[in-house]
Amino acid sequence: MTFLGSAWTDFIDAEGESDEPVEFRNITNGDIGGGFSSSSLPVAGDILTTGQSITLPLKFLADETGSYATFLQFWTTGGTLYVLLTASASTAPVASISVSTSEGGWNSFEPVVMDFGDVLSGTTVSRDIRICNSGGASLQITKSKPPIQTELLAPNSATDLHEGQTIDVGGCALGQVSIVAAPLGVNKV
């Protein structure tokens, strides 16, 4: 199979329809539109023998956030081949951490301090840690080492704010931390 030529055009829908006439553009300097480029595209005259395949390295670079697409077409002696390339670019995730207060609100002042107040012996007081994502992409928790001592612990450490958990854009996740004050024994102050 011999490559006769290649070109790219703006995205065409799945039925190959567009409101405007299709205008193919020549590939120059590896630019194939929509933020995509490749340094190893086949050119007119390149031959692909029976059983042979090629791998095309692609690069995507966006100037701004949004969705991108390009329709790449190859003309060959074996027919017309095409590839639809799509990608999106967004801002990075932005994490904010806050802790619950005894009044039922959230405290996000820096440094973040979790205040349990005075905990009476034989009682348990719990507070929540909240991590929210105000960025443009999903946030992933990559490290999570909850407390596991007898008196300071995360009762739901396997599910709350666990390693690998993702927080969607605009979403929050909670993790509970508890103080379990041991009862005072006889003749203890």
N, C-alpha and C. Protein backbone atom coordinates (compact mmCIF):
# COMPACT_ATOMS: atom_id res chain seq x y z
N MET A 1 0.85 -1.16 0.00
CA MET A 1 0.00 0.00 0.00
C MET A 1 0.90 1.23 0.00
N THR A 2 0.63 2.14 -0.88
CA THR A 2 1.42 3.36 -1.00
C THR A 2 0.59 4.55 -0.53
N PHE A 3 1.20 5.40 0.27
CA PHE A 3 0.53 6.62 0.72
C PHE A 3 0.56 7.63 -0.42
N LEU A 4 -0.62 8.18 -0.72
CA LEU A 4 -0.71 9.17 -1.79
C LEU A 4 -0.73 10.58 -1.24
N GLY A 5 -1.18 10.73 0.00
CA GLY A 5 -1.22 12.06 0.62
C GLY A 5 -1.99 12.01 1.92
N SER A 6 -1.92 13.10 2.65
CA SER A 6 -2.65 13.23 3.91
C SER A 6 -2.96 14.69 4.16
N ALA A 7 -4.00 14.91 4.95
CA ALA A 7 -4.41 16.27 5.29
C ALA A 7 -5.29 16.20 6.53
N TRP A 8 -5.59 17.34 7.11
CA TRP A 8 -6.46 17.40 8.28
C TRP A 8 -7.54 18.45 8.06
N THR A 9 -8.61 18.29 8.80
CA THR A 9 -9.69 19.27 8.77
C THR A 9 -10.29 19.37 10.16
N ASP A 10 -11.04 20.42 10.39
CA ASP A 10 -11.74 20.54 11.66
C ASP A 10 -12.68 19.36 11.82
N PHE A 11 -13.08 19.10 13.03
CA PHE A 11 -13.92 17.94 13.36
C PHE A 11 -15.17 17.87 12.49
N ILE A 12 -15.45 16.64 12.02
CA ILE A 12 -16.67 16.32 11.30
C ILE A 12 -17.42 15.32 12.16
N ASP A 13 -18.73 15.43 12.28
CA ASP A 13 -19.46 14.53 13.18
C ASP A 13 -19.44 13.09 12.69
N ALA A 14 -20.00 12.18 13.48
CA ALA A 14 -19.91 10.74 13.23
C ALA A 14 -20.47 10.33 11.87
N GLU A 15 -21.42 11.07 11.36
CA GLU A 15 -21.99 10.74 10.05
C GLU A 15 -21.20 11.38 8.91
N GLY A 16 -20.13 12.07 9.25
CA GLY A 16 -19.32 12.72 8.22
C GLY A 16 -19.96 13.99 7.72
N GLU A 17 -20.88 14.56 8.50
CA GLU A 17 -21.59 15.76 8.08
C GLU A 17 -21.04 16.99 8.79
N SER A 18 -21.17 18.10 8.13
CA SER A 18 -20.76 19.37 8.69
C SER A 18 -21.64 20.45 8.10
N ASP A 19 -21.85 21.53 8.82
CA ASP A 19 -22.66 22.64 8.31
C ASP A 19 -21.91 23.41 7.22
N GLU A 20 -20.61 23.27 7.18
CA GLU A 20 -19.80 23.99 6.22
C GLU A 20 -19.10 22.99 5.31
N PRO A 21 -18.70 23.43 4.12
CA PRO A 21 -17.96 22.53 3.24
C PRO A 21 -16.65 22.09 3.90
N VAL A 22 -16.28 20.83 3.66
CA VAL A 22 -15.05 20.29 4.23
C VAL A 22 -13.87 20.94 3.51
N GLU A 23 -12.98 21.51 4.31
CA GLU A 23 -11.78 22.13 3.74
C GLU A 23 -10.57 21.47 4.39
N PHE A 24 -9.92 20.60 3.61
CA PHE A 24 -8.73 19.94 4.13
C PHE A 24 -7.54 20.88 4.04
N ARG A 25 -6.65 20.75 5.01
CA ARG A 25 -5.45 21.58 5.07
C ARG A 25 -4.23 20.66 4.96
N ASN A 26 -3.24 21.11 4.26
CA ASN A 26 -2.00 20.35 4.16
C ASN A 26 -1.31 20.28 5.51
N ILE A 27 -0.62 19.19 5.73
CA ILE A 27 0.13 19.01 6.97
C ILE A 27 1.49 19.65 6.78
N THR A 28 1.77 20.67 7.60
CA THR A 28 3.06 21.34 7.54
C THR A 28 3.71 21.30 8.92
N ASN A 29 4.97 21.00 8.95
CA ASN A 29 5.74 20.93 10.19
C ASN A 29 5.10 20.00 11.23
N GLY A 30 4.40 18.98 10.78
CA GLY A 30 3.79 18.01 11.69
C GLY A 30 2.50 18.48 12.33
N ASP A 31 2.05 19.70 12.04
CA ASP A 31 0.81 20.23 12.62
C ASP A 31 -0.39 19.55 11.95
N ILE A 32 -1.22 18.91 12.78
CA ILE A 32 -2.41 18.24 12.22
C ILE A 32 -3.70 18.82 12.82
N GLY A 33 -3.63 20.06 13.31
CA GLY A 33 -4.80 20.78 13.77
C GLY A 33 -5.27 20.38 15.16
N GLY A 34 -6.10 21.22 15.74
CA GLY A 34 -6.71 20.94 17.03
C GLY A 34 -5.72 20.81 18.17
N GLY A 35 -4.53 21.38 18.05
CA GLY A 35 -3.53 21.26 19.09
C GLY A 35 -2.67 20.01 18.97
N PHE A 36 -2.91 19.19 17.94
CA PHE A 36 -2.18 17.94 17.76
C PHE A 36 -1.04 18.12 16.76
N SER A 37 0.03 17.34 16.98
CA SER A 37 1.13 17.32 16.01
C SER A 37 1.82 15.97 16.09
N SER A 38 2.56 15.67 15.04
CA SER A 38 3.35 14.44 15.01
C SER A 38 4.57 14.68 14.14
N SER A 39 5.68 14.13 14.58
CA SER A 39 6.93 14.29 13.82
C SER A 39 7.18 13.10 12.89
N SER A 40 6.28 12.11 12.88
CA SER A 40 6.54 10.89 12.12
C SER A 40 5.37 10.45 11.25
N LEU A 41 4.70 11.37 10.64
CA LEU A 41 3.57 11.01 9.77
C LEU A 41 4.09 10.48 8.43
N PRO A 42 3.38 9.48 7.87
CA PRO A 42 3.79 9.02 6.53
C PRO A 42 3.56 10.13 5.50
N VAL A 43 4.40 10.17 4.50
CA VAL A 43 4.28 11.18 3.45
C VAL A 43 4.00 10.47 2.12
N ALA A 44 3.59 11.23 1.14
CA ALA A 44 3.30 10.68 -0.19
C ALA A 44 4.51 9.90 -0.69
N GLY A 45 4.26 8.67 -1.14
CA GLY A 45 5.32 7.81 -1.64
C GLY A 45 5.77 6.76 -0.63
N ASP A 46 5.48 6.95 0.68
CA ASP A 46 5.83 5.93 1.67
C ASP A 46 5.03 4.66 1.41
N ILE A 47 5.65 3.52 1.60
CA ILE A 47 5.02 2.22 1.32
C ILE A 47 4.88 1.42 2.60
N LEU A 48 3.72 0.80 2.77
CA LEU A 48 3.44 -0.09 3.89
C LEU A 48 3.22 -1.47 3.28
N THR A 49 4.15 -2.41 3.55
CA THR A 49 4.06 -3.73 2.93
C THR A 49 3.07 -4.61 3.69
N THR A 50 2.68 -5.72 3.08
CA THR A 50 1.73 -6.66 3.68
C THR A 50 2.23 -7.12 5.05
N GLY A 51 1.35 -7.03 6.07
CA GLY A 51 1.70 -7.44 7.42
C GLY A 51 2.46 -6.40 8.22
N GLN A 52 2.86 -5.34 7.58
CA GLN A 52 3.61 -4.28 8.27
C GLN A 52 2.64 -3.29 8.91
N SER A 53 3.05 -2.68 9.99
CA SER A 53 2.23 -1.64 10.62
C SER A 53 3.14 -0.49 11.01
N ILE A 54 2.53 0.64 11.27
CA ILE A 54 3.30 1.80 11.72
C ILE A 54 2.64 2.35 13.00
N THR A 55 3.45 2.93 13.83
CA THR A 55 2.98 3.60 15.03
C THR A 55 3.32 5.07 14.88
N LEU A 56 2.32 5.91 15.11
CA LEU A 56 2.52 7.34 14.95
C LEU A 56 2.51 8.03 16.32
N PRO A 57 3.64 8.55 16.76
CA PRO A 57 3.64 9.29 18.03
C PRO A 57 2.91 10.63 17.84
N LEU A 58 2.05 10.96 18.79
CA LEU A 58 1.29 12.20 18.72
C LEU A 58 1.61 13.08 19.92
N LYS A 59 1.52 14.37 19.71
CA LYS A 59 1.69 15.33 20.79
C LYS A 59 0.45 16.22 20.81
N PHE A 60 -0.04 16.52 22.03
CA PHE A 60 -1.17 17.43 22.17
C PHE A 60 -0.72 18.59 23.05
N LEU A 61 -0.92 19.80 22.58
CA LEU A 61 -0.56 20.99 23.32
C LEU A 61 -1.66 22.02 23.12
N ALA A 62 -2.32 22.39 24.22
CA ALA A 62 -3.42 23.34 24.14
C ALA A 62 -2.97 24.71 24.63
N ASP A 63 -3.51 25.75 24.01
CA ASP A 63 -3.21 27.12 24.41
C ASP A 63 -4.13 27.58 25.54
N GLU A 64 -5.31 26.98 25.62
CA GLU A 64 -6.29 27.37 26.63
C GLU A 64 -7.18 26.18 26.97
N THR A 65 -7.95 26.30 28.03
CA THR A 65 -8.82 25.19 28.42
C THR A 65 -9.95 25.03 27.40
N GLY A 66 -10.44 23.80 27.28
CA GLY A 66 -11.54 23.52 26.37
C GLY A 66 -11.39 22.15 25.73
N SER A 67 -12.29 21.87 24.79
CA SER A 67 -12.27 20.61 24.05
C SER A 67 -11.65 20.85 22.68
N TYR A 68 -10.92 19.85 22.21
CA TYR A 68 -10.21 19.97 20.93
C TYR A 68 -10.46 18.72 20.10
N ALA A 69 -10.48 18.88 18.79
CA ALA A 69 -10.66 17.74 17.90
C ALA A 69 -10.07 18.07 16.53
N THR A 70 -9.63 17.04 15.85
CA THR A 70 -9.17 17.18 14.48
C THR A 70 -9.45 15.86 13.75
N PHE A 71 -9.67 15.96 12.49
CA PHE A 71 -9.99 14.82 11.64
C PHE A 71 -8.82 14.67 10.66
N LEU A 72 -8.05 13.59 10.81
CA LEU A 72 -6.86 13.34 9.99
C LEU A 72 -7.19 12.28 8.95
N GLN A 73 -6.91 12.58 7.69
CA GLN A 73 -7.25 11.65 6.63
C GLN A 73 -6.01 11.32 5.80
N PHE A 74 -5.91 10.01 5.44
CA PHE A 74 -4.82 9.53 4.59
C PHE A 74 -5.43 8.94 3.33
N TRP A 75 -4.84 9.28 2.18
CA TRP A 75 -5.25 8.69 0.91
C TRP A 75 -4.16 7.70 0.51
N THR A 76 -4.56 6.47 0.21
CA THR A 76 -3.59 5.42 -0.14
C THR A 76 -4.09 4.64 -1.34
N THR A 77 -3.21 3.82 -1.89
CA THR A 77 -3.64 2.93 -2.98
C THR A 77 -4.56 1.83 -2.46
N GLY A 78 -4.66 1.68 -1.14
CA GLY A 78 -5.56 0.70 -0.54
C GLY A 78 -6.87 1.31 -0.08
N GLY A 79 -7.09 2.58 -0.31
CA GLY A 79 -8.32 3.26 0.09
C GLY A 79 -8.02 4.47 0.96
N THR A 80 -9.09 5.03 1.44
CA THR A 80 -8.98 6.21 2.30
C THR A 80 -9.07 5.79 3.76
N LEU A 81 -8.14 6.26 4.56
CA LEU A 81 -8.12 5.97 5.99
C LEU A 81 -8.27 7.28 6.74
N TYR A 82 -8.96 7.22 7.88
CA TYR A 82 -9.07 8.44 8.66
C TYR A 82 -8.99 8.13 10.14
N VAL A 83 -8.61 9.16 10.90
CA VAL A 83 -8.49 9.06 12.34
C VAL A 83 -9.10 10.33 12.94
N LEU A 84 -9.96 10.16 13.93
CA LEU A 84 -10.51 11.28 14.66
C LEU A 84 -9.74 11.40 15.96
N LEU A 85 -9.15 12.54 16.21
CA LEU A 85 -8.39 12.79 17.43
C LEU A 85 -9.15 13.79 18.29
N THR A 86 -9.37 13.47 19.56
CA THR A 86 -10.04 14.38 20.48
C THR A 86 -9.24 14.47 21.77
N ALA A 87 -9.34 15.61 22.42
CA ALA A 87 -8.67 15.83 23.70
C ALA A 87 -9.35 16.99 24.41
N SER A 88 -9.04 17.14 25.65
CA SER A 88 -9.53 18.31 26.39
C SER A 88 -8.42 18.80 27.30
N ALA A 89 -8.49 20.08 27.60
CA ALA A 89 -7.51 20.70 28.49
C ALA A 89 -8.26 21.44 29.58
N SER A 90 -7.79 21.29 30.79
CA SER A 90 -8.44 21.97 31.91
C SER A 90 -7.37 22.51 32.86
N THR A 91 -7.82 23.27 33.82
CA THR A 91 -6.90 23.76 34.82
C THR A 91 -6.59 22.63 35.81
N ALA A 92 -5.56 22.78 36.58
CA ALA A 92 -5.16 21.77 37.56
C ALA A 92 -6.16 21.70 38.70
N PRO A 93 -6.19 20.58 39.43
CA PRO A 93 -7.03 20.52 40.62
C PRO A 93 -6.49 21.48 41.69
N VAL A 94 -7.39 22.01 42.51
CA VAL A 94 -7.01 22.90 43.60
C VAL A 94 -7.66 22.38 44.87
N ALA A 95 -6.85 21.92 45.80
CA ALA A 95 -7.37 21.35 47.05
C ALA A 95 -7.46 22.42 48.13
N SER A 96 -8.54 22.37 48.89
CA SER A 96 -8.67 23.20 50.08
C SER A 96 -9.09 22.28 51.23
N ILE A 97 -8.49 22.50 52.38
CA ILE A 97 -8.72 21.65 53.54
C ILE A 97 -9.38 22.48 54.63
N SER A 98 -10.42 21.92 55.23
CA SER A 98 -11.07 22.56 56.37
C SER A 98 -11.46 21.49 57.37
N VAL A 99 -11.71 21.92 58.60
CA VAL A 99 -12.10 21.00 59.66
C VAL A 99 -13.42 21.47 60.26
N SER A 100 -14.21 20.51 60.72
CA SER A 100 -15.49 20.86 61.33
C SER A 100 -15.26 21.50 62.69
N THR A 101 -16.19 22.37 63.06
CA THR A 101 -16.12 23.04 64.35
C THR A 101 -17.21 22.47 65.26
N SER A 102 -17.11 22.75 66.54
CA SER A 102 -18.12 22.27 67.49
C SER A 102 -19.47 22.93 67.23
N GLU A 103 -19.50 24.04 66.51
CA GLU A 103 -20.75 24.74 66.20
C GLU A 103 -21.41 24.20 64.93
N GLY A 104 -20.79 23.24 64.26
CA GLY A 104 -21.35 22.67 63.04
C GLY A 104 -20.88 23.34 61.76
N GLY A 105 -19.94 24.27 61.84
CA GLY A 105 -19.42 24.94 60.66
C GLY A 105 -18.09 24.33 60.22
N TRP A 106 -17.38 25.08 59.37
CA TRP A 106 -16.09 24.64 58.85
C TRP A 106 -15.06 25.72 59.06
N ASN A 107 -13.86 25.33 59.48
CA ASN A 107 -12.76 26.25 59.71
C ASN A 107 -11.66 25.92 58.70
N SER A 108 -11.32 26.90 57.87
CA SER A 108 -10.26 26.68 56.88
C SER A 108 -9.10 27.64 57.07
N PHE A 109 -9.01 28.26 58.25
CA PHE A 109 -7.91 29.18 58.51
C PHE A 109 -6.59 28.44 58.50
N GLU A 110 -5.55 29.10 58.00
CA GLU A 110 -4.22 28.51 57.96
C GLU A 110 -3.45 28.93 59.20
N PRO A 111 -2.75 28.11 59.89
CA PRO A 111 -2.69 26.67 59.68
C PRO A 111 -4.00 26.01 60.15
N VAL A 112 -4.36 24.94 59.48
CA VAL A 112 -5.58 24.22 59.82
C VAL A 112 -5.34 23.48 61.13
N VAL A 113 -6.20 23.74 62.11
CA VAL A 113 -6.08 23.13 63.44
C VAL A 113 -7.40 22.45 63.76
N MET A 114 -7.33 21.20 64.17
CA MET A 114 -8.53 20.46 64.56
C MET A 114 -8.63 20.51 66.08
N ASP A 115 -9.59 21.28 66.60
CA ASP A 115 -9.76 21.48 68.04
C ASP A 115 -10.91 20.62 68.55
N PHE A 116 -10.59 19.69 69.45
CA PHE A 116 -11.62 18.82 70.04
C PHE A 116 -12.17 19.40 71.33
N GLY A 117 -11.56 20.47 71.85
CA GLY A 117 -11.98 21.04 73.12
C GLY A 117 -11.64 20.08 74.26
N ASP A 118 -12.29 20.28 75.38
CA ASP A 118 -12.08 19.39 76.54
C ASP A 118 -12.92 18.14 76.35
N VAL A 119 -12.29 16.99 76.37
CA VAL A 119 -12.99 15.71 76.19
C VAL A 119 -13.02 15.02 77.54
N LEU A 120 -14.23 14.76 78.04
CA LEU A 120 -14.40 14.12 79.34
C LEU A 120 -14.01 12.66 79.27
N SER A 121 -13.46 12.16 80.37
CA SER A 121 -13.06 10.75 80.39
C SER A 121 -14.28 9.86 80.14
N GLY A 122 -14.06 8.79 79.38
CA GLY A 122 -15.13 7.86 79.05
C GLY A 122 -16.02 8.30 77.91
N THR A 123 -15.69 9.41 77.23
CA THR A 123 -16.51 9.89 76.11
C THR A 123 -15.67 9.95 74.83
N THR A 124 -16.38 10.08 73.72
CA THR A 124 -15.74 10.20 72.41
C THR A 124 -16.23 11.47 71.74
N VAL A 125 -15.31 12.23 71.17
CA VAL A 125 -15.65 13.42 70.40
C VAL A 125 -15.05 13.25 69.01
N SER A 126 -15.88 13.49 68.00
CA SER A 126 -15.42 13.33 66.61
C SER A 126 -15.50 14.65 65.87
N ARG A 127 -14.60 14.84 64.95
CA ARG A 127 -14.61 15.99 64.04
C ARG A 127 -14.34 15.44 62.63
N ASP A 128 -14.70 16.24 61.63
CA ASP A 128 -14.48 15.85 60.24
C ASP A 128 -13.42 16.73 59.59
N ILE A 129 -12.64 16.11 58.72
CA ILE A 129 -11.74 16.82 57.82
C ILE A 129 -12.43 16.82 56.47
N ARG A 130 -12.46 17.97 55.82
CA ARG A 130 -13.09 18.08 54.50
C ARG A 130 -12.05 18.58 53.50
N ILE A 131 -11.92 17.83 52.40
CA ILE A 131 -11.04 18.26 51.31
C ILE A 131 -11.95 18.53 50.11
N CYS A 132 -11.88 19.76 49.60
CA CYS A 132 -12.69 20.16 48.45
C CYS A 132 -11.79 20.47 47.26
N ASN A 133 -12.33 20.32 46.06
CA ASN A 133 -11.59 20.55 44.83
C ASN A 133 -12.26 21.69 44.06
N SER A 134 -11.61 22.85 44.03
CA SER A 134 -12.15 23.99 43.29
C SER A 134 -11.41 24.21 41.97
N GLY A 135 -10.61 23.24 41.55
CA GLY A 135 -9.86 23.36 40.29
C GLY A 135 -10.67 22.89 39.10
N GLY A 136 -9.98 22.66 37.99
CA GLY A 136 -10.64 22.29 36.75
C GLY A 136 -10.48 20.84 36.36
N ALA A 137 -9.82 20.03 37.20
CA ALA A 137 -9.63 18.61 36.91
C ALA A 137 -9.81 17.83 38.21
N SER A 138 -10.03 16.53 38.07
CA SER A 138 -10.21 15.68 39.26
C SER A 138 -8.96 15.72 40.13
N LEU A 139 -9.20 15.68 41.43
CA LEU A 139 -8.13 15.68 42.43
C LEU A 139 -7.99 14.27 42.96
N GLN A 140 -6.76 13.77 43.03
CA GLN A 140 -6.54 12.43 43.57
C GLN A 140 -5.72 12.51 44.84
N ILE A 141 -6.18 11.78 45.87
CA ILE A 141 -5.44 11.68 47.12
C ILE A 141 -4.36 10.64 46.91
N THR A 142 -3.11 11.06 46.96
CA THR A 142 -2.00 10.13 46.69
C THR A 142 -1.38 9.59 47.96
N LYS A 143 -1.51 10.28 49.07
CA LYS A 143 -1.00 9.81 50.36
C LYS A 143 -2.06 10.05 51.41
N SER A 144 -2.30 9.04 52.25
CA SER A 144 -3.26 9.17 53.34
C SER A 144 -2.83 8.24 54.46
N LYS A 145 -2.43 8.81 55.56
CA LYS A 145 -2.00 8.04 56.72
C LYS A 145 -2.83 8.47 57.92
N PRO A 146 -4.04 7.91 58.06
CA PRO A 146 -4.92 8.32 59.16
C PRO A 146 -4.39 7.82 60.50
N PRO A 147 -4.74 8.54 61.59
CA PRO A 147 -4.31 8.08 62.92
C PRO A 147 -5.01 6.77 63.29
N ILE A 148 -4.27 5.87 63.92
CA ILE A 148 -4.85 4.56 64.26
C ILE A 148 -4.57 4.18 65.72
N GLN A 149 -4.25 5.18 66.56
CA GLN A 149 -3.99 4.88 67.95
C GLN A 149 -5.31 4.56 68.67
N THR A 150 -5.21 4.14 69.92
CA THR A 150 -6.39 3.78 70.70
C THR A 150 -7.23 4.99 71.04
N GLU A 151 -6.59 6.11 71.38
CA GLU A 151 -7.34 7.29 71.80
C GLU A 151 -7.50 8.33 70.70
N LEU A 152 -6.69 8.30 69.66
CA LEU A 152 -6.81 9.19 68.51
C LEU A 152 -6.86 8.32 67.27
N LEU A 153 -8.01 8.32 66.61
CA LEU A 153 -8.16 7.40 65.48
C LEU A 153 -9.11 7.92 64.43
N ALA A 154 -8.98 7.36 63.26
CA ALA A 154 -9.92 7.60 62.15
C ALA A 154 -10.79 6.35 62.06
N PRO A 155 -12.04 6.41 62.55
CA PRO A 155 -12.86 5.21 62.64
C PRO A 155 -13.20 4.58 61.28
N ASN A 156 -13.14 5.34 60.21
CA ASN A 156 -13.46 4.82 58.87
C ASN A 156 -12.25 4.95 57.95
N SER A 157 -11.08 4.60 58.46
CA SER A 157 -9.83 4.85 57.73
C SER A 157 -9.73 4.11 56.40
N ALA A 158 -10.46 3.02 56.23
CA ALA A 158 -10.39 2.28 54.97
C ALA A 158 -11.20 2.96 53.86
N THR A 159 -12.16 3.81 54.23
CA THR A 159 -13.02 4.42 53.22
C THR A 159 -12.95 5.95 53.18
N ASP A 160 -12.65 6.59 54.31
CA ASP A 160 -12.59 8.06 54.35
C ASP A 160 -11.23 8.55 53.91
N LEU A 161 -11.19 9.41 52.91
CA LEU A 161 -9.95 10.04 52.44
C LEU A 161 -8.82 9.03 52.25
N HIS A 162 -9.12 7.95 51.57
CA HIS A 162 -8.14 6.88 51.37
C HIS A 162 -7.24 7.16 50.17
N GLU A 163 -6.08 6.52 50.15
CA GLU A 163 -5.16 6.67 49.03
C GLU A 163 -5.82 6.20 47.75
N GLY A 164 -5.69 6.98 46.70
CA GLY A 164 -6.28 6.65 45.41
C GLY A 164 -7.67 7.24 45.20
N GLN A 165 -8.27 7.80 46.25
CA GLN A 165 -9.61 8.39 46.12
C GLN A 165 -9.53 9.62 45.25
N THR A 166 -10.54 9.82 44.41
CA THR A 166 -10.60 11.01 43.58
C THR A 166 -11.76 11.89 44.02
N ILE A 167 -11.56 13.18 43.88
CA ILE A 167 -12.58 14.17 44.21
C ILE A 167 -12.86 14.95 42.93
N ASP A 168 -14.10 14.87 42.47
CA ASP A 168 -14.49 15.54 41.23
C ASP A 168 -14.40 17.06 41.36
N VAL A 169 -14.38 17.74 40.23
CA VAL A 169 -14.37 19.20 40.19
C VAL A 169 -15.61 19.71 40.93
N GLY A 170 -15.42 20.61 41.87
CA GLY A 170 -16.52 21.16 42.64
C GLY A 170 -17.00 20.26 43.76
N GLY A 171 -16.36 19.11 43.93
CA GLY A 171 -16.78 18.15 44.96
C GLY A 171 -15.93 18.23 46.21
N CYS A 172 -16.41 17.55 47.25
CA CYS A 172 -15.70 17.47 48.53
C CYS A 172 -15.73 16.03 49.02
N ALA A 173 -14.80 15.68 49.87
CA ALA A 173 -14.77 14.37 50.52
C ALA A 173 -14.49 14.60 52.00
N LEU A 174 -15.07 13.73 52.82
CA LEU A 174 -14.94 13.88 54.27
C LEU A 174 -14.20 12.70 54.88
N GLY A 175 -13.52 12.98 55.98
CA GLY A 175 -12.87 11.95 56.78
C GLY A 175 -13.06 12.28 58.25
N GLN A 176 -13.45 11.29 59.03
CA GLN A 176 -13.71 11.52 60.45
C GLN A 176 -12.49 11.18 61.30
N VAL A 177 -12.26 11.99 62.33
CA VAL A 177 -11.20 11.74 63.32
C VAL A 177 -11.86 11.82 64.69
N SER A 178 -11.53 10.86 65.56
CA SER A 178 -12.16 10.81 66.88
C SER A 178 -11.11 10.79 67.98
N ILE A 179 -11.47 11.42 69.11
CA ILE A 179 -10.73 11.31 70.36
C ILE A 179 -11.57 10.42 71.26
N VAL A 180 -11.01 9.33 71.72
CA VAL A 180 -11.68 8.41 72.63
C VAL A 180 -10.97 8.53 73.97
N ALA A 181 -11.56 9.30 74.89
CA ALA A 181 -10.93 9.53 76.19
C ALA A 181 -11.19 8.34 77.09
N ALA A 182 -10.14 7.70 77.50
CA ALA A 182 -10.28 6.52 78.37
C ALA A 182 -10.88 6.92 79.70
N PRO A 183 -11.70 6.04 80.27
CA PRO A 183 -12.25 6.37 81.58
C PRO A 183 -11.15 6.37 82.64
N LEU A 184 -11.33 7.25 83.62
CA LEU A 184 -10.35 7.31 84.70
C LEU A 184 -10.55 6.12 85.61
N GLY A 185 -9.46 5.53 86.03
CA GLY A 185 -9.54 4.40 86.94
C GLY A 185 -9.65 4.86 88.39
N VAL A 186 -9.69 3.93 89.30
CA VAL A 186 -9.76 4.22 90.72
C VAL A 186 -8.49 4.94 91.15
N ASN A 187 -8.67 5.96 91.97
CA ASN A 187 -7.57 6.78 92.50
C ASN A 187 -6.75 7.45 91.42
N LYS A 188 -7.38 7.84 90.29
CA LYS A 188 -6.72 8.58 89.21
C LYS A 188 -7.31 9.98 89.17
N VAL A 189 -6.51 10.92 88.86
CA VAL A 189 -6.98 12.30 88.77
C VAL A 189 -6.88 12.77 87.34
